[in-house]
Amino acid sequence: MIIVKNLRAIAARAFCLAAAAAILVFAAAPANAQQYPTRPIHVISPYPAGSASDTVTRVVMDQVSQLIGQPVVIDLKPGAGGAVGFASVARSDPDGYTLATSSSSMATESVLHSKLPYDPNKDFVNVVLLGTSPNILVASAKSGFKTVADLVNAAKAKPGTLTFASAGIGSSSHMAAERFRLAANIEVRHVPFKEGGLVQVMNGNIDFYFIPLAAAATALHSDKLTVLAVSAPKRVPLLPNVPSVVEAGYPGAVFRFWNGISAPAKTPPAVVQKFHDVTEQALKMPAVQEKLAKLGVEPAQISSAEFAKFFKEDFGATVELAKKANIKPVD
């Protein structure tokens, strides 16, 4: 009887100790979040220096660094279409000190590769959406196209004859063009380029190109190109005289490339919230908005939960687009 009582007393003490430890852990979490960050934060950019994603991230993170009181270091880890960088973040400690530059390409990479060293939906938490940017439909001046209707009519008159350039299979320029092709119900030929696609259009060797707005800025006023539309729901400030694809009659052709910041799964919600709030504060600053506007980027103002919903919807739409456009995995 004495032994049983002793065992019960030991068990009770063990339970109390475990409960106390749990309380301390939960009590410490908010305190740690309040102190975060106490050292430099590293944002892994899975894309080459100078890419749209890298440039947008640097513009915003420069200001975040000042607001948060710690250096925000952009580490370039390009390779395998972004897989190298994303995989390194997915394996990192979920403490808020290693983040990733996320973008629309997270969905396209899952479409292009049957196996990835990470799961875009399970290995990351969506922290903050930085902004979105449309693509610009440009045609060779030699084509004679003045409107979207001209292009569509020519494509329907001679199915499979017109060509469009892209920066590669699965790139934003490719996906925007496929969305337009399906919306307009036309047959055109895809010609991917690692580089120099815009030059080919300007020379008249390729008929049209859905080039990202940031990449098109230097060529928009060339007399070798005709700007037909933007792949956005409405006109953009940089090109007030250029109609949107919705105005042109093809709402199904709306395509917007997005950039954001993601963290490893299981990163504490309080840490996620703090980084989100500081980044949103940076996005509201006129100097940051001015720089993003010059890149054709519209800043986003949504919560982390809304970003997670946005990511899920964008991912599903990209997978569905790949099926309809018959885009197959390359490996």
Protein backbone atom coordinates (compact mmCIF):
# COMPACT_ATOMS: atom_id res chain seq x y z
CA MET A 1 0.00 0.00 0.00
CA ILE A 2 2.86 2.36 0.86
CA ILE A 3 4.55 1.48 -2.45
CA VAL A 4 1.40 2.35 -4.40
CA LYS A 5 1.13 5.69 -2.60
CA ASN A 6 4.76 6.43 -3.34
CA LEU A 7 4.31 5.59 -7.01
CA ARG A 8 1.28 7.85 -7.19
CA ALA A 9 3.21 10.66 -5.55
CA ILE A 10 6.11 10.21 -7.96
CA ALA A 11 3.75 10.17 -10.92
CA ALA A 12 2.01 13.30 -9.67
CA ARG A 13 5.32 15.12 -9.26
CA ALA A 14 6.42 14.04 -12.75
CA PHE A 15 3.17 15.32 -14.22
CA CYS A 16 3.56 18.65 -12.45
CA LEU A 17 7.15 18.98 -13.65
CA ALA A 18 6.11 18.22 -17.25
CA ALA A 19 3.25 20.70 -17.07
CA ALA A 20 5.54 23.36 -15.65
CA ALA A 21 8.07 22.75 -18.42
CA ALA A 22 5.35 23.08 -21.06
CA ILE A 23 4.16 26.34 -19.50
CA LEU A 24 7.70 27.69 -19.56
CA VAL A 25 8.09 26.75 -23.23
CA PHE A 26 4.84 28.48 -24.20
CA ALA A 27 5.66 31.47 -22.02
CA ALA A 28 9.09 31.77 -23.62
CA ALA A 29 7.74 31.72 -27.19
CA PRO A 30 6.18 35.21 -27.10
CA ALA A 31 9.25 36.56 -25.34
CA ASN A 32 11.51 35.11 -28.06
CA ALA A 33 9.24 36.55 -30.74
CA GLN A 34 9.40 39.96 -29.09
CA GLN A 35 13.20 39.81 -29.07
CA TYR A 36 13.40 38.52 -32.68
CA PRO A 37 15.61 39.21 -34.47
CA THR A 38 18.80 39.30 -32.45
CA ARG A 39 21.12 38.53 -35.37
CA PRO A 40 21.22 38.90 -39.16
CA ILE A 41 18.41 37.37 -41.22
CA HIS A 42 19.34 35.53 -44.41
CA VAL A 43 16.95 35.55 -47.35
CA ILE A 44 17.86 32.89 -49.90
CA SER A 45 17.30 33.98 -53.49
CA PRO A 46 17.00 30.84 -55.67
CA TYR A 47 17.43 32.92 -58.82
CA PRO A 48 20.37 34.69 -60.47
CA ALA A 49 21.37 38.23 -59.51
CA GLY A 50 19.43 40.81 -61.47
CA SER A 51 16.39 38.59 -62.03
CA ALA A 52 12.99 40.17 -61.37
CA SER A 53 12.51 38.21 -58.13
CA ASP A 54 15.97 39.09 -56.87
CA THR A 55 15.60 42.78 -57.72
CA VAL A 56 12.18 43.17 -56.09
CA THR A 57 13.34 41.38 -52.95
CA ARG A 58 16.38 43.63 -52.57
CA VAL A 59 14.31 46.80 -52.94
CA VAL A 60 11.99 45.78 -50.11
CA MET A 61 14.50 44.04 -47.83
CA ASP A 62 16.83 47.04 -47.81
CA GLN A 63 14.09 48.95 -46.02
CA VAL A 64 13.08 45.99 -43.83
CA SER A 65 16.65 45.80 -42.56
CA GLN A 66 16.46 49.40 -41.33
CA LEU A 67 13.08 48.89 -39.69
CA ILE A 68 13.85 45.61 -37.98
CA GLY A 69 17.23 46.67 -36.66
CA GLN A 70 19.27 43.79 -38.08
CA PRO A 71 20.96 43.16 -41.44
CA VAL A 72 18.79 41.30 -43.95
CA VAL A 73 21.31 39.53 -46.16
CA ILE A 74 20.31 38.30 -49.63
CA ASP A 75 22.16 35.05 -50.35
CA LEU A 76 22.16 33.90 -53.97
CA LYS A 77 21.67 30.15 -54.40
CA PRO A 78 20.55 29.68 -58.01
CA GLY A 79 20.43 26.34 -59.73
CA ALA A 80 18.02 23.74 -61.09
CA GLY A 81 15.32 26.32 -61.72
CA GLY A 82 15.31 27.42 -58.08
CA ALA A 83 15.28 23.93 -56.57
CA VAL A 84 18.72 24.34 -54.97
CA GLY A 85 17.77 27.45 -53.05
CA PHE A 86 14.30 26.29 -52.03
CA ALA A 87 15.61 22.94 -50.83
CA SER A 88 18.21 24.64 -48.62
CA VAL A 89 15.52 26.77 -46.96
CA ALA A 90 13.19 23.81 -46.50
CA ARG A 91 15.98 22.04 -44.55
CA SER A 92 16.86 25.09 -42.45
CA ASP A 93 15.94 25.62 -38.80
CA PRO A 94 12.43 27.12 -38.56
CA ASP A 95 13.56 30.05 -36.44
CA GLY A 96 12.93 33.00 -38.74
CA TYR A 97 16.59 33.55 -39.57
CA THR A 98 16.56 31.73 -42.92
CA LEU A 99 13.85 32.73 -45.39
CA ALA A 100 13.28 32.32 -49.12
CA THR A 101 12.39 34.59 -52.00
CA SER A 102 9.26 32.84 -53.20
CA SER A 103 7.43 33.47 -56.47
CA SER A 104 5.04 32.13 -59.09
CA SER A 105 7.81 29.81 -60.25
CA MET A 106 7.30 27.60 -57.18
CA ALA A 107 4.20 26.27 -58.91
CA THR A 108 5.71 25.98 -62.38
CA GLU A 109 8.73 24.11 -61.03
CA SER A 110 6.42 21.49 -59.52
CA VAL A 111 4.79 21.14 -62.95
CA LEU A 112 8.09 20.81 -64.81
CA HIS A 113 9.68 18.28 -62.45
CA SER A 114 8.15 14.98 -61.41
CA LYS A 115 10.32 15.03 -58.27
CA LEU A 116 11.63 17.97 -56.25
CA PRO A 117 13.84 17.95 -53.13
CA TYR A 118 11.08 19.86 -51.31
CA ASP A 119 7.30 20.14 -51.25
CA PRO A 120 6.12 23.68 -52.12
CA ASN A 121 2.89 23.18 -50.19
CA LYS A 122 4.15 21.40 -47.09
CA ASP A 123 7.72 22.56 -46.48
CA PHE A 124 7.05 26.31 -46.34
CA VAL A 125 4.88 28.85 -44.58
CA ASN A 126 3.81 31.90 -46.58
CA VAL A 127 5.06 34.98 -44.71
CA VAL A 128 4.37 38.03 -46.85
CA LEU A 129 3.40 38.80 -50.43
CA LEU A 130 5.58 41.61 -51.77
CA GLY A 131 3.74 42.38 -54.99
CA THR A 132 2.52 41.32 -58.40
CA SER A 133 3.54 42.29 -61.91
CA PRO A 134 1.91 41.67 -65.31
CA ASN A 135 3.51 40.65 -68.57
CA ILE A 136 3.38 42.86 -71.66
CA LEU A 137 2.18 41.53 -74.99
CA VAL A 138 4.54 42.95 -77.60
CA ALA A 139 4.54 42.18 -81.31
CA SER A 140 7.14 42.71 -83.98
CA ALA A 141 6.52 45.96 -85.83
CA LYS A 142 7.09 43.96 -89.02
CA SER A 143 4.01 41.87 -88.23
CA GLY A 144 1.76 44.86 -88.84
CA PHE A 145 -0.33 44.05 -85.76
CA LYS A 146 -1.74 47.15 -84.12
CA THR A 147 -4.21 45.51 -81.74
CA VAL A 148 -4.81 42.21 -80.00
CA ALA A 149 -7.65 41.61 -82.44
CA ASP A 150 -5.18 41.87 -85.36
CA LEU A 151 -3.00 39.17 -83.81
CA VAL A 152 -5.90 36.85 -83.03
CA ASN A 153 -7.43 37.25 -86.50
CA ALA A 154 -4.10 36.47 -88.16
CA ALA A 155 -3.62 33.40 -85.97
CA LYS A 156 -7.07 32.09 -86.81
CA ALA A 157 -6.57 32.78 -90.51
CA LYS A 158 -3.45 30.59 -90.59
CA PRO A 159 -3.47 28.21 -87.59
CA GLY A 160 -0.03 27.12 -86.39
CA THR A 161 1.81 29.78 -88.39
CA LEU A 162 2.42 32.56 -85.85
CA THR A 163 5.21 32.12 -83.32
CA PHE A 164 5.75 33.41 -79.80
CA ALA A 165 8.94 33.67 -77.79
CA SER A 166 9.53 32.86 -74.14
CA ALA A 167 12.39 32.75 -71.66
CA GLY A 168 11.98 28.99 -71.47
CA ILE A 169 9.40 26.29 -70.78
CA GLY A 170 7.49 27.15 -67.61
CA SER A 171 8.76 30.74 -67.47
CA SER A 172 6.28 33.54 -66.79
CA SER A 173 6.51 34.57 -70.45
CA HIS A 174 5.58 31.05 -71.50
CA MET A 175 2.73 30.64 -69.02
CA ALA A 176 1.27 34.07 -69.84
CA ALA A 177 1.29 33.24 -73.54
CA GLU A 178 -0.32 29.84 -72.97
CA ARG A 179 -3.06 31.46 -70.90
CA PHE A 180 -3.68 33.93 -73.74
CA ARG A 181 -3.57 31.19 -76.40
CA LEU A 182 -6.22 29.18 -74.59
CA ALA A 183 -8.39 32.23 -73.88
CA ALA A 184 -8.27 33.33 -77.53
CA ASN A 185 -8.60 29.75 -78.82
CA ILE A 186 -5.75 30.10 -81.30
CA GLU A 187 -3.01 27.77 -82.54
CA VAL A 188 0.46 29.32 -82.37
CA ARG A 189 3.97 27.88 -82.05
CA HIS A 190 6.14 28.26 -78.95
CA VAL A 191 9.84 29.09 -79.47
CA PRO A 192 11.73 29.17 -76.14
CA PHE A 193 14.97 31.12 -75.77
CA LYS A 194 17.50 31.05 -72.95
CA GLU A 195 18.28 34.64 -73.91
CA GLY A 196 17.72 36.99 -76.82
CA GLY A 197 14.03 36.27 -77.34
CA LEU A 198 13.08 39.94 -77.40
CA VAL A 199 15.76 40.66 -80.01
CA GLN A 200 14.27 37.95 -82.21
CA VAL A 201 10.88 39.64 -81.97
CA MET A 202 12.36 43.05 -82.72
CA ASN A 203 14.10 41.62 -85.78
CA GLY A 204 10.84 40.14 -87.03
CA ASN A 205 11.92 36.50 -86.68
CA ILE A 206 9.28 35.87 -83.98
CA ASP A 207 5.78 37.35 -84.05
CA PHE A 208 5.01 38.14 -80.40
CA TYR A 209 6.19 37.83 -76.80
CA PHE A 210 4.58 38.13 -73.36
CA ILE A 211 7.60 39.69 -71.71
CA PRO A 212 7.64 40.60 -67.97
CA LEU A 213 7.07 44.33 -67.52
CA ALA A 214 10.29 44.82 -65.53
CA ALA A 215 12.33 43.20 -68.31
CA ALA A 216 10.54 45.13 -71.05
CA ALA A 217 11.09 48.62 -69.65
CA THR A 218 14.09 49.46 -71.83
CA ALA A 219 12.44 48.28 -75.05
CA LEU A 220 8.91 49.64 -74.70
CA HIS A 221 9.65 52.71 -76.81
CA SER A 222 11.46 50.87 -79.58
CA ASP A 223 10.06 51.46 -83.07
CA LYS A 224 10.72 47.78 -83.74
CA LEU A 225 7.99 46.73 -81.31
CA THR A 226 4.27 47.34 -80.96
CA VAL A 227 2.85 47.08 -77.44
CA LEU A 228 -0.58 45.45 -77.70
CA ALA A 229 -1.74 44.74 -74.13
CA VAL A 230 -0.86 44.04 -70.51
CA SER A 231 -1.83 40.73 -68.91
CA ALA A 232 -3.59 42.48 -66.03
CA PRO A 233 -7.26 43.06 -65.15
CA LYS A 234 -6.83 46.78 -65.80
CA ARG A 235 -4.32 49.22 -67.26
CA VAL A 236 -1.07 49.81 -65.40
CA PRO A 237 0.33 53.25 -64.44
CA LEU A 238 3.52 52.76 -66.44
CA LEU A 239 1.52 52.23 -69.64
CA PRO A 240 -1.69 54.24 -69.30
CA ASN A 241 -2.41 54.08 -73.05
CA VAL A 242 -2.05 50.31 -73.34
CA PRO A 243 -5.25 48.24 -72.87
CA SER A 244 -5.47 45.27 -70.57
CA VAL A 245 -6.26 41.79 -71.89
CA VAL A 246 -9.68 42.19 -70.25
CA GLU A 247 -10.35 45.32 -72.32
CA ALA A 248 -9.20 43.40 -75.38
CA GLY A 249 -11.93 40.85 -74.68
CA TYR A 250 -9.92 38.05 -73.04
CA PRO A 251 -10.42 38.03 -69.25
CA GLY A 252 -9.13 34.46 -69.20
CA ALA A 253 -5.72 35.76 -70.29
CA VAL A 254 -5.03 37.64 -67.05
CA PHE A 255 -1.62 36.62 -65.72
CA ARG A 256 0.33 38.24 -62.90
CA PHE A 257 3.75 37.13 -61.68
CA TRP A 258 4.12 37.44 -57.91
CA ASN A 259 7.00 37.75 -55.46
CA GLY A 260 6.93 37.01 -51.75
CA ILE A 261 8.86 35.80 -48.73
CA SER A 262 8.42 32.29 -47.35
CA ALA A 263 9.87 30.53 -44.31
CA PRO A 264 10.48 26.88 -43.39
CA ALA A 265 7.43 25.03 -42.13
CA LYS A 266 6.95 25.15 -38.33
CA THR A 267 8.43 28.64 -38.04
CA PRO A 268 6.72 30.13 -34.93
CA PRO A 269 3.57 32.09 -35.88
CA ALA A 270 4.68 35.05 -33.76
CA VAL A 271 7.95 35.28 -35.70
CA VAL A 272 6.09 35.01 -39.01
CA GLN A 273 3.72 37.76 -37.92
CA LYS A 274 6.52 40.09 -36.85
CA PHE A 275 8.41 39.75 -40.14
CA HIS A 276 5.17 40.16 -42.06
CA ASP A 277 4.24 43.34 -40.20
CA VAL A 278 7.66 44.95 -40.65
CA THR A 279 7.66 44.11 -44.36
CA GLU A 280 4.17 45.55 -44.78
CA GLN A 281 5.41 48.71 -43.10
CA ALA A 282 8.25 48.88 -45.63
CA LEU A 283 5.85 48.33 -48.54
CA LYS A 284 3.81 51.36 -47.47
CA MET A 285 6.80 53.70 -47.66
CA PRO A 286 6.70 56.10 -50.64
CA ALA A 287 10.36 55.50 -51.52
CA VAL A 288 9.81 51.74 -51.76
CA GLN A 289 6.57 52.14 -53.71
CA GLU A 290 8.30 54.46 -56.16
CA LYS A 291 11.09 51.96 -56.80
CA LEU A 292 8.62 49.09 -57.24
CA ALA A 293 6.49 51.17 -59.60
CA LYS A 294 9.49 51.65 -61.87
CA LEU A 295 9.76 47.86 -62.00
CA GLY A 296 6.08 47.54 -62.83
CA VAL A 297 5.34 45.91 -59.47
CA GLU A 298 2.15 46.62 -57.54
CA PRO A 299 2.78 46.20 -53.77
CA ALA A 300 0.49 43.81 -51.94
CA GLN A 301 -1.23 44.53 -48.64
CA ILE A 302 -2.57 41.21 -47.38
CA SER A 303 -2.16 39.08 -44.26
CA SER A 304 -0.06 35.92 -44.07
CA ALA A 305 -3.26 33.87 -44.00
CA GLU A 306 -4.50 35.62 -47.13
CA PHE A 307 -1.12 35.03 -48.76
CA ALA A 308 -1.44 31.32 -47.95
CA LYS A 309 -4.85 31.27 -49.66
CA PHE A 310 -3.44 33.24 -52.61
CA PHE A 311 -0.57 30.75 -52.94
CA LYS A 312 -2.90 27.75 -52.88
CA GLU A 313 -5.16 29.24 -55.55
CA ASP A 314 -2.23 30.28 -57.76
CA PHE A 315 -0.66 26.83 -57.41
CA GLY A 316 -3.90 25.12 -58.41
CA ALA A 317 -4.43 27.46 -61.36
CA THR A 318 -0.89 26.83 -62.63
CA VAL A 319 -1.31 23.06 -62.43
CA GLU A 320 -4.60 23.33 -64.28
CA LEU A 321 -3.05 25.58 -66.94
CA ALA A 322 -0.22 23.10 -67.48
CA LYS A 323 -2.75 20.31 -68.06
CA LYS A 324 -4.76 22.34 -70.57
CA ALA A 325 -1.62 23.53 -72.36
CA ASN A 326 -0.16 20.00 -72.35
CA ILE A 327 3.02 21.10 -70.55
CA LYS A 328 4.83 17.96 -69.45
CA PRO A 329 7.56 17.41 -66.82
CA VAL A 330 11.05 17.74 -68.28
CA ASP A 331 12.42 15.14 -65.83
